[in-house]
Protein backbone atom coordinates (compact mmCIF):
# COMPACT_ATOMS: atom_id res chain seq x y z
CA MET A 1 5.09 -16.36 16.88
CA PRO A 2 4.44 -17.78 13.39
CA ASP A 3 7.29 -19.53 11.58
CA VAL A 4 8.30 -17.19 8.76
CA ALA A 5 11.40 -19.19 7.79
CA HIS A 6 9.66 -20.51 4.68
CA VAL A 7 8.82 -17.05 3.34
CA GLY A 8 11.06 -16.65 0.29
CA PRO A 9 12.98 -13.52 -0.81
CA LEU A 10 10.38 -12.71 -3.47
CA GLU A 11 7.55 -12.81 -0.94
CA ALA A 12 9.61 -10.82 1.58
CA GLN A 13 10.30 -8.13 -1.04
CA LEU A 14 6.63 -8.10 -2.07
CA GLN A 15 5.47 -7.74 1.54
CA ALA A 16 7.95 -4.92 2.19
CA THR A 17 6.74 -3.09 -0.93
CA LEU A 18 3.06 -3.47 -0.06
CA ASN A 19 3.68 -2.26 3.50
CA LYS A 20 5.15 0.98 2.12
CA ILE A 21 2.06 1.83 0.07
CA PRO A 22 -0.29 4.18 2.00
CA ALA A 23 -3.35 2.04 1.32
CA TYR A 24 -4.88 -1.29 2.28
CA THR A 25 -2.91 -3.80 0.18
CA TRP A 26 -2.79 -7.59 -0.05
CA TYR A 27 -1.86 -10.53 -2.21
CA ALA A 28 -3.41 -13.92 -2.82
CA ALA A 29 -2.22 -17.25 -4.18
CA PRO A 30 -2.86 -18.07 -7.87
CA THR A 31 -5.80 -20.22 -6.72
CA GLY A 32 -7.36 -17.20 -4.98
CA GLY A 33 -6.69 -17.95 -1.31
CA LEU A 34 -5.81 -14.81 0.67
CA THR A 35 -2.14 -15.12 1.72
CA PHE A 36 -0.99 -11.70 2.98
CA VAL A 37 -2.41 -8.33 4.04
CA ASN A 38 -0.22 -5.36 4.87
CA THR A 39 -0.01 -3.92 8.38
CA ARG A 40 -2.54 -1.15 7.69
CA CYS A 41 -5.11 -3.67 6.42
CA ALA A 42 -4.45 -6.20 9.22
CA ASP A 43 -4.86 -3.52 11.89
CA TYR A 44 -8.12 -2.31 10.32
CA LEU A 45 -9.51 -5.86 10.33
CA GLY A 46 -8.35 -6.34 13.93
CA LEU A 47 -6.32 -9.46 13.14
CA PRO A 48 -4.25 -10.93 16.00
CA SER A 49 -0.56 -10.05 15.98
CA ASP A 50 0.34 -13.67 15.17
CA HIS A 51 -2.24 -14.18 12.43
CA PRO A 52 -0.65 -16.03 9.43
CA VAL A 53 -1.81 -13.52 6.81
CA ARG A 54 0.18 -10.78 8.58
CA PHE A 55 3.31 -12.71 7.59
CA GLY A 56 2.29 -14.19 4.25
CA ILE A 57 2.27 -17.75 5.55
CA GLU A 58 0.40 -20.12 3.23
CA THR A 59 -2.55 -21.67 5.06
CA GLY A 60 -4.36 -23.31 2.16
CA ALA A 61 -7.25 -20.86 2.51
CA ALA A 62 -10.22 -21.34 0.18
CA TRP A 63 -10.53 -19.00 -2.76
CA ASP A 64 -13.46 -17.17 -1.16
CA ALA A 65 -12.38 -17.33 2.48
CA HIS A 66 -11.93 -13.54 2.56
CA LEU A 67 -15.69 -13.05 2.24
CA ALA A 68 -15.90 -13.50 6.01
CA PHE A 69 -14.53 -9.94 6.33
CA LEU A 70 -17.21 -8.42 4.06
CA HIS A 71 -20.78 -7.30 4.66
CA PRO A 72 -23.20 -10.20 4.03
CA ASP A 73 -25.08 -8.15 1.40
CA ASP A 74 -21.84 -7.86 -0.63
CA HIS A 75 -20.92 -11.57 -0.67
CA GLU A 76 -22.70 -12.47 -3.88
CA GLU A 77 -21.20 -9.68 -5.98
CA ALA A 78 -17.73 -10.14 -4.45
CA ARG A 79 -17.86 -13.87 -5.18
CA ARG A 80 -18.94 -13.22 -8.77
CA VAL A 81 -16.19 -10.69 -9.50
CA TRP A 82 -13.43 -12.73 -7.82
CA SER A 83 -14.55 -15.92 -9.58
CA HIS A 84 -14.39 -14.12 -12.93
CA CYS A 85 -10.83 -12.94 -12.21
CA LEU A 86 -9.68 -16.46 -11.31
CA LYS A 87 -11.31 -18.02 -14.37
CA THR A 88 -10.05 -15.47 -16.91
CA GLY A 89 -6.75 -14.44 -15.29
CA SER A 90 -7.75 -10.80 -15.78
CA ALA A 91 -7.88 -7.77 -13.48
CA GLY A 92 -11.02 -6.91 -11.53
CA GLU A 93 -12.59 -4.01 -9.65
CA MET A 94 -15.59 -3.58 -7.35
CA SER A 95 -16.85 -1.79 -4.24
CA PHE A 96 -17.75 -3.54 -0.98
CA ARG A 97 -18.12 -2.97 2.74
CA ALA A 98 -15.47 -4.45 5.03
CA ARG A 99 -15.80 -4.93 8.79
CA ASN A 100 -13.27 -3.18 11.02
CA ALA A 101 -11.89 -4.22 14.41
CA GLU A 102 -14.87 -2.64 16.21
CA GLY A 103 -17.42 -4.48 14.08
CA ALA A 104 -18.43 -1.45 12.00
CA TYR A 105 -18.38 -1.45 8.19
CA ARG A 106 -16.75 0.99 5.77
CA TRP A 107 -16.90 1.16 1.98
CA PHE A 108 -13.83 0.27 -0.08
CA LEU A 109 -12.97 0.33 -3.78
CA THR A 110 -10.73 -2.64 -4.58
CA ARG A 111 -8.57 -3.20 -7.64
CA THR A 112 -6.97 -6.59 -8.31
CA GLU A 113 -4.18 -7.28 -10.83
CA PRO A 114 -2.43 -10.57 -11.75
CA LEU A 115 1.35 -10.63 -11.12
CA ARG A 116 3.07 -12.80 -13.70
CA ALA A 117 6.62 -14.01 -14.30
CA ASN A 118 8.43 -13.19 -17.55
CA ASP A 119 7.14 -16.44 -19.07
CA GLY A 120 3.53 -15.55 -18.25
CA THR A 121 3.18 -17.84 -15.23
CA LEU A 122 0.72 -16.45 -12.67
CA LEU A 123 2.64 -15.86 -9.42
CA TYR A 124 0.21 -13.93 -7.25
CA TRP A 125 -2.85 -11.70 -7.30
CA ILE A 126 -1.99 -8.19 -6.07
CA GLY A 127 -4.80 -6.09 -4.59
CA ILE A 128 -5.21 -2.56 -3.26
CA ASN A 129 -8.26 -1.27 -1.38
CA LEU A 130 -9.08 2.43 -1.20
CA ASP A 131 -11.33 3.74 1.56
CA ILE A 132 -14.29 5.46 -0.17
CA ASP A 133 -16.63 5.47 2.79
CA ASP A 134 -16.56 9.26 2.99
CA ARG A 135 -17.43 9.44 -0.70
CA LYS A 136 -20.32 7.03 -0.25
CA GLN A 137 -21.60 9.01 2.72
CA ALA A 138 -21.27 12.25 0.76
CA GLU A 139 -23.13 10.76 -2.20
CA PHE A 140 -26.01 9.87 0.10
CA TYR A 141 -26.21 13.25 1.76
CA LEU A 142 -25.73 15.01 -1.55
CA ALA A 143 -28.73 13.18 -2.99
CA GLU A 144 -30.76 14.19 0.04
CA GLY A 145 -29.50 17.75 -0.24
CA GLN A 146 -30.47 17.96 -3.89
CA ARG A 147 -33.95 16.78 -3.03
CA LEU A 148 -34.43 18.99 0.03
CA ALA A 149 -32.08 21.95 0.37
CA HIS A 150 -29.54 22.23 -2.45
CA THR A 151 -31.94 22.61 -5.35
CA GLY A 152 -33.29 25.98 -6.39
CA SER A 153 -35.89 26.81 -9.04
CA TRP A 154 -36.03 29.44 -11.74
CA ALA A 155 -38.17 30.76 -14.62
CA PHE A 156 -36.61 32.21 -17.77
CA THR A 157 -37.72 33.93 -21.00
CA ALA A 158 -35.95 35.63 -23.87
CA ALA A 159 -36.03 38.85 -21.80
CA GLY A 160 -34.23 37.20 -18.91
CA PHE A 161 -34.99 35.54 -15.57
CA LYS A 162 -38.48 36.07 -14.17
CA HIS A 163 -37.95 34.19 -10.94
CA TRP A 164 -35.24 32.76 -8.61
CA SER A 165 -36.17 30.79 -5.51
CA PRO A 166 -34.48 31.60 -2.18
CA GLU A 167 -32.49 28.35 -2.43
CA LEU A 168 -31.10 29.37 -5.81
CA PHE A 169 -29.93 32.70 -4.36
CA ALA A 170 -28.26 30.78 -1.52
CA ILE A 171 -26.50 28.43 -3.94
CA HIS A 172 -24.99 31.45 -5.71
CA GLY A 173 -23.99 33.08 -2.43
CA LEU A 174 -26.54 35.90 -2.75
CA VAL A 175 -29.06 37.35 -0.34
CA PRO A 176 -32.60 36.29 -1.40
CA SER A 177 -34.48 39.02 -3.24
CA ASP A 178 -37.77 39.52 -5.01
CA ARG A 179 -35.90 40.48 -8.15
CA ALA A 180 -34.06 37.84 -10.12
CA PRO A 181 -30.64 38.77 -11.52
CA SER A 182 -30.43 40.20 -15.03
CA ILE A 183 -28.59 38.21 -17.68
CA PRO A 184 -25.41 40.39 -17.30
CA GLU A 185 -25.55 39.95 -13.51
CA TYR A 186 -26.02 36.20 -13.93
CA MET A 187 -23.16 35.90 -16.45
CA ALA A 188 -20.92 37.82 -14.03
CA LEU A 189 -21.40 34.97 -11.54
CA VAL A 190 -20.38 32.34 -14.11
CA HIS A 191 -16.72 31.30 -14.08
CA PRO A 192 -14.83 33.24 -16.80
CA ASP A 193 -13.76 30.01 -18.52
CA ASP A 194 -17.39 28.82 -18.75
CA ARG A 195 -19.08 32.04 -19.89
CA GLU A 196 -18.79 31.39 -23.61
CA PHE A 197 -20.33 27.91 -23.50
CA VAL A 198 -23.12 29.10 -21.11
CA ALA A 199 -23.98 31.97 -23.51
CA GLN A 200 -24.08 29.47 -26.39
CA ALA A 201 -26.30 27.13 -24.33
CA ILE A 202 -28.79 29.96 -23.67
CA GLN A 203 -28.91 30.89 -27.37
CA LYS A 204 -29.43 27.23 -28.36
CA MET A 205 -32.12 26.82 -25.70
CA LEU A 206 -34.08 29.79 -27.06
CA ALA A 207 -33.56 28.82 -30.72
CA ASP A 208 -34.47 25.11 -30.36
CA HIS A 209 -37.02 25.55 -27.57
CA ARG A 210 -35.98 22.17 -26.14
CA GLY A 211 -35.00 20.89 -22.73
CA PHE A 212 -31.36 20.99 -21.63
CA ASP A 213 -29.03 19.73 -18.92
CA PHE A 214 -25.49 21.02 -18.31
CA THR A 215 -23.13 21.78 -15.45
CA LYS A 216 -21.23 25.04 -15.08
CA ARG A 217 -18.94 26.63 -12.54
CA ILE A 218 -19.88 29.78 -10.67
CA VAL A 219 -17.83 32.12 -8.50
CA ARG A 220 -19.67 33.45 -5.48
CA PRO A 221 -19.13 37.05 -4.35
CA ASP A 222 -16.83 35.76 -1.59
CA GLY A 223 -14.67 34.00 -4.22
CA THR A 224 -15.92 30.47 -3.50
CA LEU A 225 -16.06 28.19 -6.54
CA ARG A 226 -19.15 26.01 -6.88
CA TYR A 227 -20.48 23.61 -9.51
CA VAL A 228 -24.14 24.08 -10.45
CA ARG A 229 -26.11 21.67 -12.59
CA CYS A 230 -28.78 23.43 -14.67
CA VAL A 231 -31.80 21.43 -15.87
CA GLY A 232 -34.61 23.10 -17.80
CA VAL A 233 -37.74 22.27 -19.83
CA PRO A 234 -40.03 24.46 -21.96
CA GLU A 235 -43.03 25.98 -20.17
CA PRO A 236 -46.35 24.36 -21.10
CA ASN A 237 -47.62 27.63 -22.61
CA GLY A 238 -44.49 27.96 -24.74
CA GLU A 239 -43.48 31.39 -23.38
CA GLY A 240 -40.26 30.39 -21.70
CA PHE A 241 -38.54 27.74 -19.57
CA LEU A 242 -38.79 26.35 -16.07
CA GLY A 243 -35.90 24.64 -14.38
CA THR A 244 -33.72 23.93 -11.41
CA GLY A 245 -30.18 24.77 -10.34
CA ILE A 246 -28.54 22.04 -8.28
CA ASP A 247 -25.34 22.55 -6.28
CA VAL A 248 -23.25 19.49 -7.26
CA THR A 249 -19.90 20.76 -5.99
CA GLU A 250 -19.27 17.85 -3.63
CA GLN A 251 -20.19 15.33 -6.31
CA GLU A 252 -17.77 16.90 -8.80
CA GLN A 253 -15.02 17.06 -6.19
CA LEU A 254 -15.58 13.44 -5.20
CA THR A 255 -15.59 12.38 -8.85
CA ALA A 256 -12.28 14.17 -9.34
CA ALA A 257 -10.92 12.55 -6.18
CA LEU A 258 -12.04 9.14 -7.43
CA ARG A 259 -10.30 9.70 -10.76
CA LYS A 260 -7.16 10.72 -8.88
CA SER A 261 -7.42 7.63 -6.67
CA GLU A 262 -7.79 5.41 -9.73
CA ILE A 263 -4.69 6.96 -11.28
CA GLU A 264 -2.78 6.49 -8.03
CA LEU A 265 -4.01 2.89 -7.84
CA ARG A 266 -2.77 2.14 -11.35
CA GLN A 267 0.53 3.86 -10.58
CA ALA A 268 0.93 1.88 -7.35
CA ASN A 269 0.24 -1.36 -9.20
CA SER A 270 2.78 -0.39 -11.87
CA GLU A 271 5.39 0.35 -9.21
CA VAL A 272 4.79 -3.00 -7.52
CA GLN A 273 5.06 -4.79 -10.87
CA ALA A 274 8.25 -2.90 -11.73
CA ALA A 275 9.83 -3.61 -8.34
CA LEU A 276 9.07 -7.31 -8.57
CA ARG A 277 10.24 -7.52 -12.17
CA ALA A 278 13.54 -5.87 -11.19
CA ARG A 279 13.86 -8.37 -8.34
CA PHE A 280 13.33 -11.29 -10.73
CA GLU A 281 15.84 -9.95 -13.22
CA ALA A 282 18.45 -9.35 -10.49
CA ALA A 283 17.98 -12.89 -9.14
CA LEU A 284 18.27 -14.37 -12.62
CA ALA A 285 21.42 -12.38 -13.34
CA GLU A 286 22.96 -13.52 -10.05
CA ARG A 287 22.12 -17.18 -10.74
CA THR A 288 23.68 -16.88 -14.20
CA ARG A 289 26.79 -15.25 -12.76
CA ILE A 290 27.26 -17.99 -10.16
CA ALA A 291 26.76 -20.70 -12.80
CA GLN A 292 29.41 -19.10 -15.00
CA GLU A 293 31.80 -18.69 -12.09
CA LEU A 294 31.40 -22.31 -11.05
CA HIS A 295 32.01 -23.39 -14.64
CA ASP A 296 35.13 -21.24 -14.90
CA THR A 297 36.54 -22.46 -11.58
CA LEU A 298 35.34 -25.84 -10.34
CA LEU A 299 34.59 -27.44 -13.71
CA GLN A 300 37.75 -26.21 -15.41
CA GLY A 301 39.85 -26.95 -12.35
CA PHE A 302 38.60 -30.49 -12.00
CA ALA A 303 38.99 -31.06 -15.73
CA GLY A 304 42.70 -30.51 -15.09
CA VAL A 305 42.52 -32.82 -12.06
CA THR A 306 41.02 -35.56 -14.23
CA LEU A 307 43.81 -35.22 -16.79
CA GLN A 308 46.49 -35.36 -14.08
CA LEU A 309 44.93 -38.42 -12.44
CA LYS A 310 45.02 -40.22 -15.79
CA ALA A 311 48.72 -39.42 -16.08
CA ALA A 312 49.32 -40.69 -12.53
CA GLU A 313 47.50 -43.92 -13.36
CA LEU A 314 49.78 -44.50 -16.35
CA ALA A 315 52.95 -43.70 -14.39
CA LEU A 316 52.15 -45.68 -11.23
CA PRO A 317 53.23 -49.22 -12.33
CA GLU A 318 56.74 -48.26 -13.47
CA ARG A 319 57.40 -44.79 -12.00
CA PRO A 320 55.72 -44.50 -8.59
CA ASP A 321 57.89 -41.45 -7.79
CA VAL A 322 56.53 -39.64 -10.83
CA ALA A 323 52.99 -40.72 -9.87
CA ALA A 324 53.51 -39.27 -6.39
CA GLU A 325 54.60 -35.92 -7.89
CA ILE A 326 51.53 -35.90 -10.11
CA LEU A 327 49.23 -36.65 -7.16
CA ALA A 328 50.77 -33.77 -5.22
CA ARG A 329 50.08 -31.55 -8.24
CA VAL A 330 46.48 -32.84 -8.28
CA GLN A 331 46.04 -31.83 -4.66
CA ARG A 332 47.31 -28.33 -5.41
CA LEU A 333 44.99 -28.07 -8.42
CA ALA A 334 41.96 -29.17 -6.40
CA THR A 335 42.76 -26.78 -3.55
CA GLU A 336 43.20 -23.89 -5.97
CA ALA A 337 39.96 -24.72 -7.79
CA LEU A 338 37.98 -24.73 -4.53
CA ARG A 339 39.56 -21.46 -3.42
CA GLU A 340 38.73 -19.80 -6.74
CA ALA A 341 35.17 -21.11 -6.62
CA ARG A 342 34.57 -19.61 -3.19
CA GLU A 343 36.05 -16.25 -4.21
CA SER A 344 34.11 -16.17 -7.48
CA VAL A 345 30.75 -17.05 -5.93
CA TRP A 346 31.21 -14.32 -3.31
CA ASP A 347 32.46 -11.97 -6.05
CA LEU A 348 35.90 -11.53 -4.44
CA ARG A 349 39.06 -10.54 -6.31
CA GLY A 350 41.64 -13.24 -6.81
CA THR A 351 45.34 -12.70 -6.18
CA GLU A 352 46.70 -14.23 -9.40
CA LEU A 353 46.73 -10.96 -11.37
CA ASP A 354 48.17 -9.15 -8.34
CA GLU A 355 51.31 -11.27 -8.62
CA LEU A 356 51.54 -11.87 -12.40
CA ASP A 357 50.93 -9.83 -15.53
CA LEU A 358 48.45 -11.05 -18.12
CA ILE A 359 51.05 -12.86 -20.28
CA GLU A 360 52.52 -14.82 -17.37
CA ALA A 361 49.08 -15.58 -15.92
CA LEU A 362 47.93 -16.98 -19.28
CA ARG A 363 51.15 -18.98 -19.60
CA GLY A 364 50.78 -20.40 -16.08
CA ARG A 365 47.15 -21.37 -16.64
CA ALA A 366 47.92 -23.06 -19.96
CA LEU A 367 50.87 -25.04 -18.57
CA ALA A 368 48.83 -26.13 -15.53
CA ALA A 369 45.98 -27.29 -17.76
CA THR A 370 48.29 -29.30 -20.05
CA ALA A 371 50.66 -30.68 -17.40
CA GLY A 372 51.13 -34.43 -17.77
CA SER A 373 50.12 -34.38 -21.43
CA ASN A 374 52.08 -34.11 -24.70
CA ILE A 375 50.38 -30.84 -25.68
CA VAL A 376 52.81 -28.09 -26.71
CA VAL A 377 51.94 -24.57 -25.51
CA ALA A 378 53.37 -21.42 -27.09
CA VAL A 379 52.64 -17.92 -25.77
CA THR A 380 53.62 -14.80 -27.71
CA ALA A 381 53.07 -11.10 -27.04
CA ARG A 382 52.98 -8.36 -29.65
CA GLY A 383 52.67 -4.61 -29.56
CA ALA A 384 53.45 -2.87 -26.27
CA PRO A 385 52.81 -5.34 -23.40
CA ARG A 386 51.72 -3.52 -20.25
CA ARG A 387 49.40 -3.80 -17.27
CA LEU A 388 45.78 -3.09 -18.13
CA PRO A 389 42.69 -2.33 -16.02
CA ARG A 390 41.84 -5.26 -13.76
CA SER A 391 38.44 -5.82 -15.42
CA ILE A 392 40.12 -6.19 -18.85
CA GLU A 393 42.85 -8.53 -17.61
CA ALA A 394 40.36 -10.65 -15.64
CA ALA A 395 38.06 -11.03 -18.66
CA ALA A 396 40.98 -11.97 -20.94
CA LEU A 397 42.33 -14.48 -18.42
CA ARG A 398 38.93 -16.14 -17.95
CA VAL A 399 38.31 -16.40 -21.70
CA GLY A 400 41.84 -17.66 -22.33
CA ARG A 401 41.55 -20.27 -19.60
CA GLU A 402 38.20 -21.49 -21.00
CA ALA A 403 39.59 -21.71 -24.55
CA VAL A 404 42.60 -23.73 -23.37
CA ALA A 405 40.38 -26.00 -21.27
CA ASN A 406 38.14 -26.69 -24.29
CA ALA A 407 41.17 -27.51 -26.44
CA VAL A 408 42.54 -29.92 -23.81
CA LYS A 409 39.25 -31.57 -22.92
CA HIS A 410 37.37 -31.71 -26.23
CA ALA A 411 39.62 -30.94 -29.20
CA GLU A 412 42.30 -33.68 -28.77
CA ALA A 413 44.87 -31.02 -29.71
CA SER A 414 48.64 -31.53 -29.81
CA ARG A 415 49.51 -27.82 -29.89
CA ILE A 416 47.97 -24.63 -28.49
CA ASP A 417 49.18 -21.18 -29.57
CA ILE A 418 48.28 -18.16 -27.44
CA ASP A 419 48.85 -14.78 -29.09
CA VAL A 420 48.29 -11.52 -27.16
CA GLU A 421 48.35 -8.25 -29.11
CA PHE A 422 48.54 -5.00 -27.15
CA ASP A 423 47.23 -2.20 -29.37
CA ALA A 424 46.84 1.41 -28.26
CA ALA A 425 43.06 1.13 -28.04
CA LEU A 426 42.42 -2.63 -28.25
CA LEU A 427 43.52 -5.86 -26.64
CA VAL A 428 43.33 -8.85 -28.99
CA LEU A 429 43.71 -12.39 -27.63
CA ARG A 430 43.85 -15.36 -30.01
CA ILE A 431 43.96 -18.99 -28.91
CA ARG A 432 44.52 -21.44 -31.76
CA ASP A 433 44.63 -25.25 -31.45
CA ASP A 434 45.25 -27.98 -34.03
CA GLY A 435 42.53 -30.28 -32.69
CA ARG A 436 39.56 -31.80 -34.42
CA GLY A 437 37.57 -28.55 -34.53
CA PHE A 438 33.79 -28.45 -34.35
CA THR A 439 30.71 -27.81 -36.44
CA GLU A 440 28.09 -25.08 -36.03
CA GLU A 441 25.56 -27.76 -35.10
CA LEU A 442 27.76 -28.96 -32.23
CA ARG A 443 28.22 -25.40 -30.97
CA GLU A 444 24.45 -24.68 -31.00
CA ALA A 445 23.74 -28.00 -29.27
CA ALA A 446 26.23 -27.16 -26.52
CA ILE A 447 24.60 -23.78 -25.92
CA ARG A 448 21.08 -25.26 -25.86
CA SER A 449 22.12 -27.94 -23.40
CA GLY A 450 23.17 -25.30 -20.86
CA HIS A 451 26.98 -25.59 -21.13
CA PHE A 452 28.58 -22.25 -20.31
CA GLY A 453 31.83 -22.75 -22.29
CA ILE A 454 31.29 -20.81 -25.53
CA ARG A 455 28.36 -18.81 -24.19
CA GLY A 456 30.32 -17.95 -21.05
CA MET A 457 33.24 -16.62 -23.09
CA GLN A 458 30.91 -14.48 -25.20
CA ASP A 459 29.05 -13.19 -22.12
CA ARG A 460 32.30 -12.17 -20.44
CA ALA A 461 33.40 -10.37 -23.59
CA ARG A 462 30.10 -8.45 -23.76
CA GLN A 463 30.32 -7.53 -20.07
CA ALA A 464 33.74 -6.02 -20.73
CA GLY A 465 32.43 -4.15 -23.78
CA GLY A 466 34.09 -6.42 -26.36
CA THR A 467 33.45 -9.41 -28.61
CA CYS A 468 34.45 -13.07 -28.72
CA GLU A 469 34.35 -15.24 -31.83
CA VAL A 470 34.90 -19.01 -31.98
CA VAL A 471 35.63 -20.15 -35.52
CA PRO A 472 36.67 -23.61 -36.84
CA GLU A 473 39.54 -23.60 -39.34
CA ALA A 474 39.23 -25.31 -42.69
CA GLU A 475 42.36 -27.42 -42.17
CA GLY A 476 41.28 -28.45 -38.67
CA GLY A 477 41.47 -26.87 -35.29
CA THR A 478 39.72 -23.88 -33.75
CA VAL A 479 40.52 -20.18 -33.29
CA VAL A 480 39.07 -18.18 -30.41
CA THR A 481 39.45 -14.41 -30.93
CA LEU A 482 38.74 -12.00 -28.08
CA GLN A 483 38.75 -8.23 -28.69
CA LEU A 484 38.42 -5.82 -25.75
CA PRO A 485 38.44 -2.02 -26.09
CA LEU A 486 40.89 -0.19 -23.84
CA GLY A 487 39.37 3.27 -24.12
């Protein structure tokens, strides 16, 4: 059994999608090497059950290795089309004969599209093959039929038809007769929707006295609809026209079927592209969420640990008992940070807001972050303090914790004021510090470098339907204002 452990989630999703499409589908590496064929295609080719391309296992196949499955007479054209796709990065289409498990060949129409990431990087070539062998066979027999049996002859003047051959009677579903139909009888056989344009074609033919070629629909006496191609030329003596009526029903039906298949092919390709794009976006969103959660738990938690360890270092020479208390606090902080990180990454609910309201949770977080320092923390509540929906309280707590952590770690603040205003329709949280503040250039640089502090606060506010502003004060310090709607 092949080792499929290295097949990634994107490839697994792509393979599952292609296996659901009722056609012969495949994908190839950006360099052109065939990497995967769906079950329908693999069974048609007669591939062993453990063949690598059944599982999308990269084998380093050459860009034209798939030609081994095609009819030798189609190799040159297939190589030309595929080479053009690889060189230009554009879609391609062609017909070829592919060998089945019994060694016989069938005709296929293949359409290949490049699958790209959001940044334009080529990820894979996606292909879909439609079996058109029946159409090819029908085209052959139709051509023979037009030449031998499905072509009738006629002679026509301004007075009407002078002659219909037996084959022409048969095409129209009539019993052969020595008398050709009159113009009213003929028009009665024409499909009602085509009668006007056929009458105009006859008038133009007589007026211009030139050859013509058009296709019309007829309705046989038994109700059968047929397509008849009419081709005529002026008689040499100039008295009328001679021509043929060719039954092209199968050709028209096959053309319509081909158009339908092409539409279905484009739709299938669009669905594959959409499914993969959704997969990429979901994966990106999940990676961003985990990065934010780790920042809000591990990084903030260990920032507090660092501060406490510094305090323990200062206390150790003269107050070992105080240092021991601080180290015990460090252990609790580290344990709590790890627990929160695990819960956040797995998207579990914490217990902090189950035991405390928002005011007390903010107070506890601020005091834990500033323990061992000389920073003064003041928490005030205004309006009508009350319990709010968990999503609102969690967002406010995360933003408040991040703002306090920034003030402790970066601002060199001596005082942090936390103000919580409970309005009827709005929760407003303000965290003000008297630190050194920051410039717009520093804020943009932090965002570009990938730090989730300010950006993380703003993202959490947006996810909760609110806004978050971080503004430096003219006299020094910074104000973080979070507004969350409660309606």
